[in-house]
């Protein structure tokens, strides 16, 4: 009898390991509670917050030492990624000899570097200060310009720098968002935002005009001394009953 042979049936193509791995559902990280989902602040509550800040500190002052709009501009440029105290320590002697753009140019980049060498990124900052001094003389008559766009055109000056100068030197209702304001705006849910600009615009939208001149100082000081990054001092917070932070301790 002839031997019957069977044809081998083709095997199913195996799923490549990479594709097989992709087909396995990955566990999702637990969703964090969104501050945007909390109860929105009412206008009356926002007014109460800043009324309390004003009562506690009617005339808040920025902590960067300066003698005129130019030295304020320089101090803010130097304060990027540095503390106000550290900047003040370096600029006290500097501003005694270089309190105008021309005097800063006369001082020169090398001597300026030596004067601010205790400040982080001092080489880049010295270069920017010399460049902005030259530009102020050539394009703005040696005066600090009065518009945000013009200030932002100066080397080393960004939106926050412009907002600080416009507010402190010229009394405009601007909101400078530094790390403290950004934290307070998000933590309290007063103005949640993923970027400083979002927080800035959110705060400008909700803060009553009567408080805007000093609002950024109140928020900076609140973040610096009360609403701390790691261990917020909720027990002494002026607005702890209104704050929306789900982890507050009171």
C-alpha atoms as a PDB file:
ATOM      1  CA  UNK A   1       0.000   0.000   0.000  1.00  0.00           C
ATOM      2  CA  UNK A   2       1.310   3.418  -0.928  1.00  0.00           C
ATOM      3  CA  UNK A   3       2.278   5.563   2.021  1.00  0.00           C
ATOM      4  CA  UNK A   4      -0.013   8.543   2.492  1.00  0.00           C
ATOM      5  CA  UNK A   5       1.778  11.748   3.324  1.00  0.00           C
ATOM      6  CA  UNK A   6       0.118  14.773   4.841  1.00  0.00           C
ATOM      7  CA  UNK A   7       0.923  18.268   3.776  1.00  0.00           C
ATOM      8  CA  UNK A   8       2.257  20.348   6.577  1.00  0.00           C
ATOM      9  CA  UNK A   9      -0.181  23.082   7.519  1.00  0.00           C
ATOM     10  CA  UNK A  10       1.416  26.511   7.610  1.00  0.00           C
ATOM     11  CA  UNK A  11       1.878  27.966  11.071  1.00  0.00           C
ATOM     12  CA  UNK A  12       0.153  31.167  11.998  1.00  0.00           C
ATOM     13  CA  UNK A  13       2.431  34.119  11.857  1.00  0.00           C
ATOM     14  CA  UNK A  14       3.581  35.036  15.315  1.00  0.00           C
ATOM     15  CA  UNK A  15       2.905  38.541  16.579  1.00  0.00           C
ATOM     16  CA  UNK A  16       6.135  40.501  16.822  1.00  0.00           C
ATOM     17  CA  UNK A  17       7.181  41.043  20.388  1.00  0.00           C
ATOM     18  CA  UNK A  18       6.993  44.825  20.117  1.00  0.00           C
ATOM     19  CA  UNK A  19       3.439  44.686  18.762  1.00  0.00           C
ATOM     20  CA  UNK A  20       2.385  42.081  21.300  1.00  0.00           C
ATOM     21  CA  UNK A  21       3.670  44.302  24.062  1.00  0.00           C
ATOM     22  CA  UNK A  22       1.754  47.232  22.682  1.00  0.00           C
ATOM     23  CA  UNK A  23      -1.476  45.223  22.779  1.00  0.00           C
ATOM     24  CA  UNK A  24      -1.229  44.842  26.561  1.00  0.00           C
ATOM     25  CA  UNK A  25      -3.066  47.613  28.331  1.00  0.00           C
ATOM     26  CA  UNK A  26      -0.812  49.619  30.605  1.00  0.00           C
ATOM     27  CA  UNK A  27      -2.053  50.700  34.010  1.00  0.00           C
ATOM     28  CA  UNK A  28      -2.804  54.380  34.190  1.00  0.00           C
ATOM     29  CA  UNK A  29      -1.403  56.587  36.884  1.00  0.00           C
ATOM     30  CA  UNK A  30      -4.070  57.741  39.313  1.00  0.00           C
ATOM     31  CA  UNK A  31      -5.458  61.081  38.215  1.00  0.00           C
ATOM     32  CA  UNK A  32      -4.467  64.018  40.383  1.00  0.00           C
ATOM     33  CA  UNK A  33      -7.240  66.186  41.663  1.00  0.00           C
ATOM     34  CA  UNK A  34      -7.450  69.187  39.385  1.00  0.00           C
ATOM     35  CA  UNK A  35      -7.692  72.596  40.997  1.00  0.00           C
ATOM     36  CA  UNK A  36      -9.743  73.711  38.018  1.00  0.00           C
ATOM     37  CA  UNK A  37     -12.422  71.284  39.152  1.00  0.00           C
ATOM     38  CA  UNK A  38     -12.825  73.002  42.519  1.00  0.00           C
ATOM     39  CA  UNK A  39     -15.518  75.544  43.239  1.00  0.00           C
ATOM     40  CA  UNK A  40     -14.643  78.774  41.422  1.00  0.00           C
ATOM     41  CA  UNK A  41     -13.842  81.867  43.438  1.00  0.00           C
ATOM     42  CA  UNK A  42     -16.631  84.396  43.629  1.00  0.00           C
ATOM     43  CA  UNK A  43     -15.862  88.085  43.048  1.00  0.00           C
ATOM     44  CA  UNK A  44     -16.748  88.744  46.688  1.00  0.00           C
ATOM     45  CA  UNK A  45     -14.223  86.142  47.871  1.00  0.00           C
ATOM     46  CA  UNK A  46     -11.443  87.553  45.686  1.00  0.00           C
ATOM     47  CA  UNK A  47     -12.205  91.034  46.985  1.00  0.00           C
ATOM     48  CA  UNK A  48     -12.025  89.730  50.548  1.00  0.00           C
ATOM     49  CA  UNK A  49      -8.599  88.152  49.913  1.00  0.00           C
ATOM     50  CA  UNK A  50      -7.018  91.379  48.752  1.00  0.00           C
ATOM     51  CA  UNK A  51      -8.839  93.454  51.348  1.00  0.00           C
ATOM     52  CA  UNK A  52      -7.115  91.326  53.991  1.00  0.00           C
ATOM     53  CA  UNK A  53      -3.744  91.683  52.289  1.00  0.00           C
ATOM     54  CA  UNK A  54      -4.193  95.466  52.125  1.00  0.00           C
ATOM     55  CA  UNK A  55      -5.193  95.698  55.783  1.00  0.00           C
ATOM     56  CA  UNK A  56      -2.136  93.703  56.856  1.00  0.00           C
ATOM     57  CA  UNK A  57       0.278  95.572  54.568  1.00  0.00           C
ATOM     58  CA  UNK A  58      -1.183  98.772  53.068  1.00  0.00           C
ATOM     59  CA  UNK A  59       1.943  99.791  51.130  1.00  0.00           C
ATOM     60  CA  UNK A  60       3.904  96.667  50.146  1.00  0.00           C
ATOM     61  CA  UNK A  61       7.319  97.238  48.641  1.00  0.00           C
ATOM     62  CA  UNK A  62       9.450  95.142  46.343  1.00  0.00           C
ATOM     63  CA  UNK A  63      12.544  93.770  48.045  1.00  0.00           C
ATOM     64  CA  UNK A  64      14.991  94.527  45.212  1.00  0.00           C
ATOM     65  CA  UNK A  65      16.968  97.626  46.186  1.00  0.00           C
ATOM     66  CA  UNK A  66      17.223 100.368  43.566  1.00  0.00           C
ATOM     67  CA  UNK A  67      17.526 104.133  43.270  1.00  0.00           C
ATOM     68  CA  UNK A  68      15.824 104.871  39.935  1.00  0.00           C
ATOM     69  CA  UNK A  69      14.057 103.093  37.037  1.00  0.00           C
ATOM     70  CA  UNK A  70      17.371 102.122  35.431  1.00  0.00           C
ATOM     71  CA  UNK A  71      18.771 100.459  38.545  1.00  0.00           C
ATOM     72  CA  UNK A  72      15.421  98.740  39.062  1.00  0.00           C
ATOM     73  CA  UNK A  73      15.624  97.346  35.527  1.00  0.00           C
ATOM     74  CA  UNK A  74      19.178  96.139  36.112  1.00  0.00           C
ATOM     75  CA  UNK A  75      18.266  94.592  39.465  1.00  0.00           C
ATOM     76  CA  UNK A  76      15.368  92.646  37.944  1.00  0.00           C
ATOM     77  CA  UNK A  77      17.554  91.379  35.098  1.00  0.00           C
ATOM     78  CA  UNK A  78      20.139  90.247  37.651  1.00  0.00           C
ATOM     79  CA  UNK A  79      17.492  88.556  39.803  1.00  0.00           C
ATOM     80  CA  UNK A  80      16.707  85.802  37.274  1.00  0.00           C
ATOM     81  CA  UNK A  81      17.421  82.479  39.002  1.00  0.00           C
ATOM     82  CA  UNK A  82      18.782  84.373  42.010  1.00  0.00           C
ATOM     83  CA  UNK A  83      17.404  85.637  45.311  1.00  0.00           C
ATOM     84  CA  UNK A  84      16.593  89.284  45.946  1.00  0.00           C
ATOM     85  CA  UNK A  85      18.886  89.214  48.978  1.00  0.00           C
ATOM     86  CA  UNK A  86      21.764  87.919  46.883  1.00  0.00           C
ATOM     87  CA  UNK A  87      21.200  90.579  44.223  1.00  0.00           C
ATOM     88  CA  UNK A  88      20.985  93.368  46.806  1.00  0.00           C
ATOM     89  CA  UNK A  89      24.277  92.307  48.346  1.00  0.00           C
ATOM     90  CA  UNK A  90      26.008  92.731  44.986  1.00  0.00           C
ATOM     91  CA  UNK A  91      24.237  95.858  43.745  1.00  0.00           C
ATOM     92  CA  UNK A  92      24.583  98.132  46.779  1.00  0.00           C
ATOM     93  CA  UNK A  93      28.147  99.015  45.879  1.00  0.00           C
ATOM     94  CA  UNK A  94      27.506  98.733  42.137  1.00  0.00           C
ATOM     95  CA  UNK A  95      24.708 101.301  42.049  1.00  0.00           C
ATOM     96  CA  UNK A  96      26.853 103.794  43.964  1.00  0.00           C
ATOM     97  CA  UNK A  97      29.146 104.051  40.941  1.00  0.00           C
ATOM     98  CA  UNK A  98      26.868 102.999  38.062  1.00  0.00           C
ATOM     99  CA  UNK A  99      23.297 104.232  38.383  1.00  0.00           C
ATOM    100  CA  UNK A 100      22.826 105.350  34.752  1.00  0.00           C
ATOM    101  CA  UNK A 101      23.335 103.598  31.397  1.00  0.00           C
ATOM    102  CA  UNK A 102      26.352 105.785  30.592  1.00  0.00           C
ATOM    103  CA  UNK A 103      28.036 105.109  33.924  1.00  0.00           C
ATOM    104  CA  UNK A 104      27.399 101.386  33.444  1.00  0.00           C
ATOM    105  CA  UNK A 105      29.084 101.498  30.039  1.00  0.00           C
ATOM    106  CA  UNK A 106      31.970 103.467  31.521  1.00  0.00           C
ATOM    107  CA  UNK A 107      32.348 100.789  34.196  1.00  0.00           C
ATOM    108  CA  UNK A 108      32.754  98.152  31.504  1.00  0.00           C
ATOM    109  CA  UNK A 109      31.853  94.493  31.279  1.00  0.00           C
ATOM    110  CA  UNK A 110      34.952  93.196  33.052  1.00  0.00           C
ATOM    111  CA  UNK A 111      34.501  95.355  36.143  1.00  0.00           C
ATOM    112  CA  UNK A 112      30.775  94.657  36.121  1.00  0.00           C
ATOM    113  CA  UNK A 113      31.452  90.909  36.135  1.00  0.00           C
ATOM    114  CA  UNK A 114      33.679  91.357  39.140  1.00  0.00           C
ATOM    115  CA  UNK A 115      30.976  93.355  40.942  1.00  0.00           C
ATOM    116  CA  UNK A 116      28.243  90.748  40.416  1.00  0.00           C
ATOM    117  CA  UNK A 117      30.285  87.527  40.486  1.00  0.00           C
ATOM    118  CA  UNK A 118      28.377  86.281  43.552  1.00  0.00           C
ATOM    119  CA  UNK A 119      25.180  86.132  41.480  1.00  0.00           C
ATOM    120  CA  UNK A 120      24.353  83.067  39.406  1.00  0.00           C
ATOM    121  CA  UNK A 121      24.989  83.317  35.643  1.00  0.00           C
ATOM    122  CA  UNK A 122      26.947  86.515  36.279  1.00  0.00           C
ATOM    123  CA  UNK A 123      28.930  86.387  33.029  1.00  0.00           C
ATOM    124  CA  UNK A 124      25.829  86.294  30.832  1.00  0.00           C
ATOM    125  CA  UNK A 125      24.086  88.859  32.996  1.00  0.00           C
ATOM    126  CA  UNK A 126      27.015  91.263  32.843  1.00  0.00           C
ATOM    127  CA  UNK A 127      27.032  90.995  29.064  1.00  0.00           C
ATOM    128  CA  UNK A 128      23.275  91.690  28.942  1.00  0.00           C
ATOM    129  CA  UNK A 129      23.463  94.687  31.299  1.00  0.00           C
ATOM    130  CA  UNK A 130      26.193  96.305  29.199  1.00  0.00           C
ATOM    131  CA  UNK A 131      24.214  95.603  26.019  1.00  0.00           C
ATOM    132  CA  UNK A 132      20.930  96.944  27.397  1.00  0.00           C
ATOM    133  CA  UNK A 133      22.722 100.075  28.632  1.00  0.00           C
ATOM    134  CA  UNK A 134      24.109 100.684  25.147  1.00  0.00           C
ATOM    135  CA  UNK A 135      20.703 100.125  23.558  1.00  0.00           C
ATOM    136  CA  UNK A 136      19.004 102.486  26.000  1.00  0.00           C
ATOM    137  CA  UNK A 137      21.474 105.207  25.038  1.00  0.00           C
ATOM    138  CA  UNK A 138      21.233 104.623  21.292  1.00  0.00           C
ATOM    139  CA  UNK A 139      17.481 104.036  20.990  1.00  0.00           C
ATOM    140  CA  UNK A 140      15.757 105.491  24.052  1.00  0.00           C
ATOM    141  CA  UNK A 141      17.801 108.553  24.965  1.00  0.00           C
ATOM    142  CA  UNK A 142      19.229 106.871  28.050  1.00  0.00           C
ATOM    143  CA  UNK A 143      15.776 106.477  29.619  1.00  0.00           C
ATOM    144  CA  UNK A 144      13.961 103.295  30.551  1.00  0.00           C
ATOM    145  CA  UNK A 145      11.247 102.849  27.888  1.00  0.00           C
ATOM    146  CA  UNK A 146       7.601 103.023  28.951  1.00  0.00           C
ATOM    147  CA  UNK A 147       6.045 100.149  27.007  1.00  0.00           C
ATOM    148  CA  UNK A 148       6.217  96.404  27.572  1.00  0.00           C
ATOM    149  CA  UNK A 149       7.364  95.698  24.021  1.00  0.00           C
ATOM    150  CA  UNK A 150      10.214  98.206  24.242  1.00  0.00           C
ATOM    151  CA  UNK A 151      11.422  96.905  27.593  1.00  0.00           C
ATOM    152  CA  UNK A 152      11.269  93.331  26.320  1.00  0.00           C
ATOM    153  CA  UNK A 153      13.452  94.366  23.377  1.00  0.00           C
ATOM    154  CA  UNK A 154      16.319  95.065  25.790  1.00  0.00           C
ATOM    155  CA  UNK A 155      18.915  92.264  26.221  1.00  0.00           C
ATOM    156  CA  UNK A 156      18.132  90.081  29.236  1.00  0.00           C
ATOM    157  CA  UNK A 157      14.666  91.563  29.816  1.00  0.00           C
ATOM    158  CA  UNK A 158      11.564  89.395  29.445  1.00  0.00           C
ATOM    159  CA  UNK A 159       7.888  89.801  30.187  1.00  0.00           C
ATOM    160  CA  UNK A 160       8.292  89.499  33.951  1.00  0.00           C
ATOM    161  CA  UNK A 161      11.032  92.144  33.928  1.00  0.00           C
ATOM    162  CA  UNK A 162       8.813  94.469  31.915  1.00  0.00           C
ATOM    163  CA  UNK A 163       5.875  93.957  34.253  1.00  0.00           C
ATOM    164  CA  UNK A 164       7.965  94.681  37.360  1.00  0.00           C
ATOM    165  CA  UNK A 165       9.435  97.864  35.878  1.00  0.00           C
ATOM    166  CA  UNK A 166       6.112  99.114  34.523  1.00  0.00           C
ATOM    167  CA  UNK A 167       4.472  98.523  37.897  1.00  0.00           C
ATOM    168  CA  UNK A 168       7.151  99.730  40.296  1.00  0.00           C
ATOM    169  CA  UNK A 169       8.690 102.537  38.265  1.00  0.00           C
ATOM    170  CA  UNK A 170       5.650 103.824  36.402  1.00  0.00           C
ATOM    171  CA  UNK A 171       2.664 102.756  38.508  1.00  0.00           C
ATOM    172  CA  UNK A 172       0.969 100.607  35.882  1.00  0.00           C
ATOM    173  CA  UNK A 173      -1.429  97.814  36.837  1.00  0.00           C
ATOM    174  CA  UNK A 174       0.711  94.910  35.667  1.00  0.00           C
ATOM    175  CA  UNK A 175       1.047  91.450  37.176  1.00  0.00           C
ATOM    176  CA  UNK A 176       4.603  90.095  37.349  1.00  0.00           C
ATOM    177  CA  UNK A 177       4.516  86.327  37.817  1.00  0.00           C
ATOM    178  CA  UNK A 178       7.567  84.853  39.491  1.00  0.00           C
ATOM    179  CA  UNK A 179       7.841  81.412  41.080  1.00  0.00           C
ATOM    180  CA  UNK A 180       5.963  82.577  44.196  1.00  0.00           C
ATOM    181  CA  UNK A 181       3.037  84.147  42.348  1.00  0.00           C
ATOM    182  CA  UNK A 182       2.856  81.121  40.055  1.00  0.00           C
ATOM    183  CA  UNK A 183       2.641  78.788  43.064  1.00  0.00           C
ATOM    184  CA  UNK A 184       0.036  80.859  44.921  1.00  0.00           C
ATOM    185  CA  UNK A 185      -2.113  81.290  41.820  1.00  0.00           C
ATOM    186  CA  UNK A 186      -2.197  77.538  41.261  1.00  0.00           C
ATOM    187  CA  UNK A 187      -2.292  76.274  44.834  1.00  0.00           C
ATOM    188  CA  UNK A 188      -5.157  78.488  45.909  1.00  0.00           C
ATOM    189  CA  UNK A 189      -6.897  77.999  42.533  1.00  0.00           C
ATOM    190  CA  UNK A 190      -7.207  81.774  42.346  1.00  0.00           C
ATOM    191  CA  UNK A 191      -5.762  81.630  38.833  1.00  0.00           C
ATOM    192  CA  UNK A 192      -4.695  78.112  37.809  1.00  0.00           C
ATOM    193  CA  UNK A 193      -2.404  77.890  34.808  1.00  0.00           C
ATOM    194  CA  UNK A 194       0.302  75.752  33.269  1.00  0.00           C
ATOM    195  CA  UNK A 195       2.461  78.726  32.320  1.00  0.00           C
ATOM    196  CA  UNK A 196       3.317  82.060  33.965  1.00  0.00           C
ATOM    197  CA  UNK A 197       1.406  83.852  31.216  1.00  0.00           C
ATOM    198  CA  UNK A 198      -1.761  81.852  31.922  1.00  0.00           C
ATOM    199  CA  UNK A 199      -1.510  82.698  35.617  1.00  0.00           C
ATOM    200  CA  UNK A 200      -0.778  86.346  34.834  1.00  0.00           C
ATOM    201  CA  UNK A 201      -3.824  86.726  32.597  1.00  0.00           C
ATOM    202  CA  UNK A 202      -5.983  84.784  35.042  1.00  0.00           C
ATOM    203  CA  UNK A 203      -5.028  87.043  37.939  1.00  0.00           C
ATOM    204  CA  UNK A 204      -5.575  90.188  35.892  1.00  0.00           C
ATOM    205  CA  UNK A 205      -9.030  88.906  35.052  1.00  0.00           C
ATOM    206  CA  UNK A 206     -10.174  88.268  38.640  1.00  0.00           C
ATOM    207  CA  UNK A 207      -8.388  90.883  40.768  1.00  0.00           C
ATOM    208  CA  UNK A 208     -10.398  94.098  41.223  1.00  0.00           C
ATOM    209  CA  UNK A 209      -8.772  97.217  39.770  1.00  0.00           C
ATOM    210  CA  UNK A 210      -8.549  98.880  43.175  1.00  0.00           C
ATOM    211  CA  UNK A 211      -5.976  96.266  44.261  1.00  0.00           C
ATOM    212  CA  UNK A 212      -3.964  95.827  41.066  1.00  0.00           C
ATOM    213  CA  UNK A 213      -1.208  98.355  41.826  1.00  0.00           C
ATOM    214  CA  UNK A 214       0.037  96.311  44.787  1.00  0.00           C
ATOM    215  CA  UNK A 215      -1.408  92.888  43.945  1.00  0.00           C
ATOM    216  CA  UNK A 216       1.777  91.294  42.654  1.00  0.00           C
ATOM    217  CA  UNK A 217       3.710  92.425  45.735  1.00  0.00           C
ATOM    218  CA  UNK A 218       1.107  90.963  48.074  1.00  0.00           C
ATOM    219  CA  UNK A 219       1.168  87.658  46.215  1.00  0.00           C
ATOM    220  CA  UNK A 220       4.970  87.523  46.078  1.00  0.00           C
ATOM    221  CA  UNK A 221       5.284  88.204  49.793  1.00  0.00           C
ATOM    222  CA  UNK A 222       2.533  85.707  50.572  1.00  0.00           C
ATOM    223  CA  UNK A 223       4.337  83.013  48.592  1.00  0.00           C
ATOM    224  CA  UNK A 224       7.756  83.906  49.980  1.00  0.00           C
ATOM    225  CA  UNK A 225       6.861  83.973  53.669  1.00  0.00           C
ATOM    226  CA  UNK A 226       3.577  82.087  54.155  1.00  0.00           C
ATOM    227  CA  UNK A 227       2.535  79.901  51.226  1.00  0.00           C
ATOM    228  CA  UNK A 228       5.932  78.209  51.074  1.00  0.00           C
ATOM    229  CA  UNK A 229       6.782  75.633  48.424  1.00  0.00           C
ATOM    230  CA  UNK A 230       7.463  72.651  50.690  1.00  0.00           C
ATOM    231  CA  UNK A 231       5.822  73.428  54.017  1.00  0.00           C
ATOM    232  CA  UNK A 232       3.172  76.118  53.612  1.00  0.00           C
ATOM    233  CA  UNK A 233       2.349  77.866  56.888  1.00  0.00           C
ATOM    234  CA  UNK A 234      -1.398  77.381  56.666  1.00  0.00           C
ATOM    235  CA  UNK A 235      -1.828  78.009  60.386  1.00  0.00           C
ATOM    236  CA  UNK A 236      -0.840  81.684  60.002  1.00  0.00           C
ATOM    237  CA  UNK A 237      -2.273  82.247  56.527  1.00  0.00           C
ATOM    238  CA  UNK A 238      -4.562  85.271  56.229  1.00  0.00           C
ATOM    239  CA  UNK A 239      -6.773  83.538  53.677  1.00  0.00           C
ATOM    240  CA  UNK A 240      -6.760  79.920  54.866  1.00  0.00           C
ATOM    241  CA  UNK A 241     -10.549  79.844  55.189  1.00  0.00           C
ATOM    242  CA  UNK A 242     -10.945  80.867  51.542  1.00  0.00           C
ATOM    243  CA  UNK A 243      -8.066  78.911  49.995  1.00  0.00           C
ATOM    244  CA  UNK A 244      -9.108  76.079  47.683  1.00  0.00           C
ATOM    245  CA  UNK A 245      -5.999  73.930  48.219  1.00  0.00           C
ATOM    246  CA  UNK A 246      -7.239  70.424  49.112  1.00  0.00           C
ATOM    247  CA  UNK A 247      -4.164  69.693  51.234  1.00  0.00           C
ATOM    248  CA  UNK A 248      -4.251  72.757  53.473  1.00  0.00           C
ATOM    249  CA  UNK A 249      -3.718  71.897  57.124  1.00  0.00           C
ATOM    250  CA  UNK A 250      -6.421  74.096  58.658  1.00  0.00           C
END
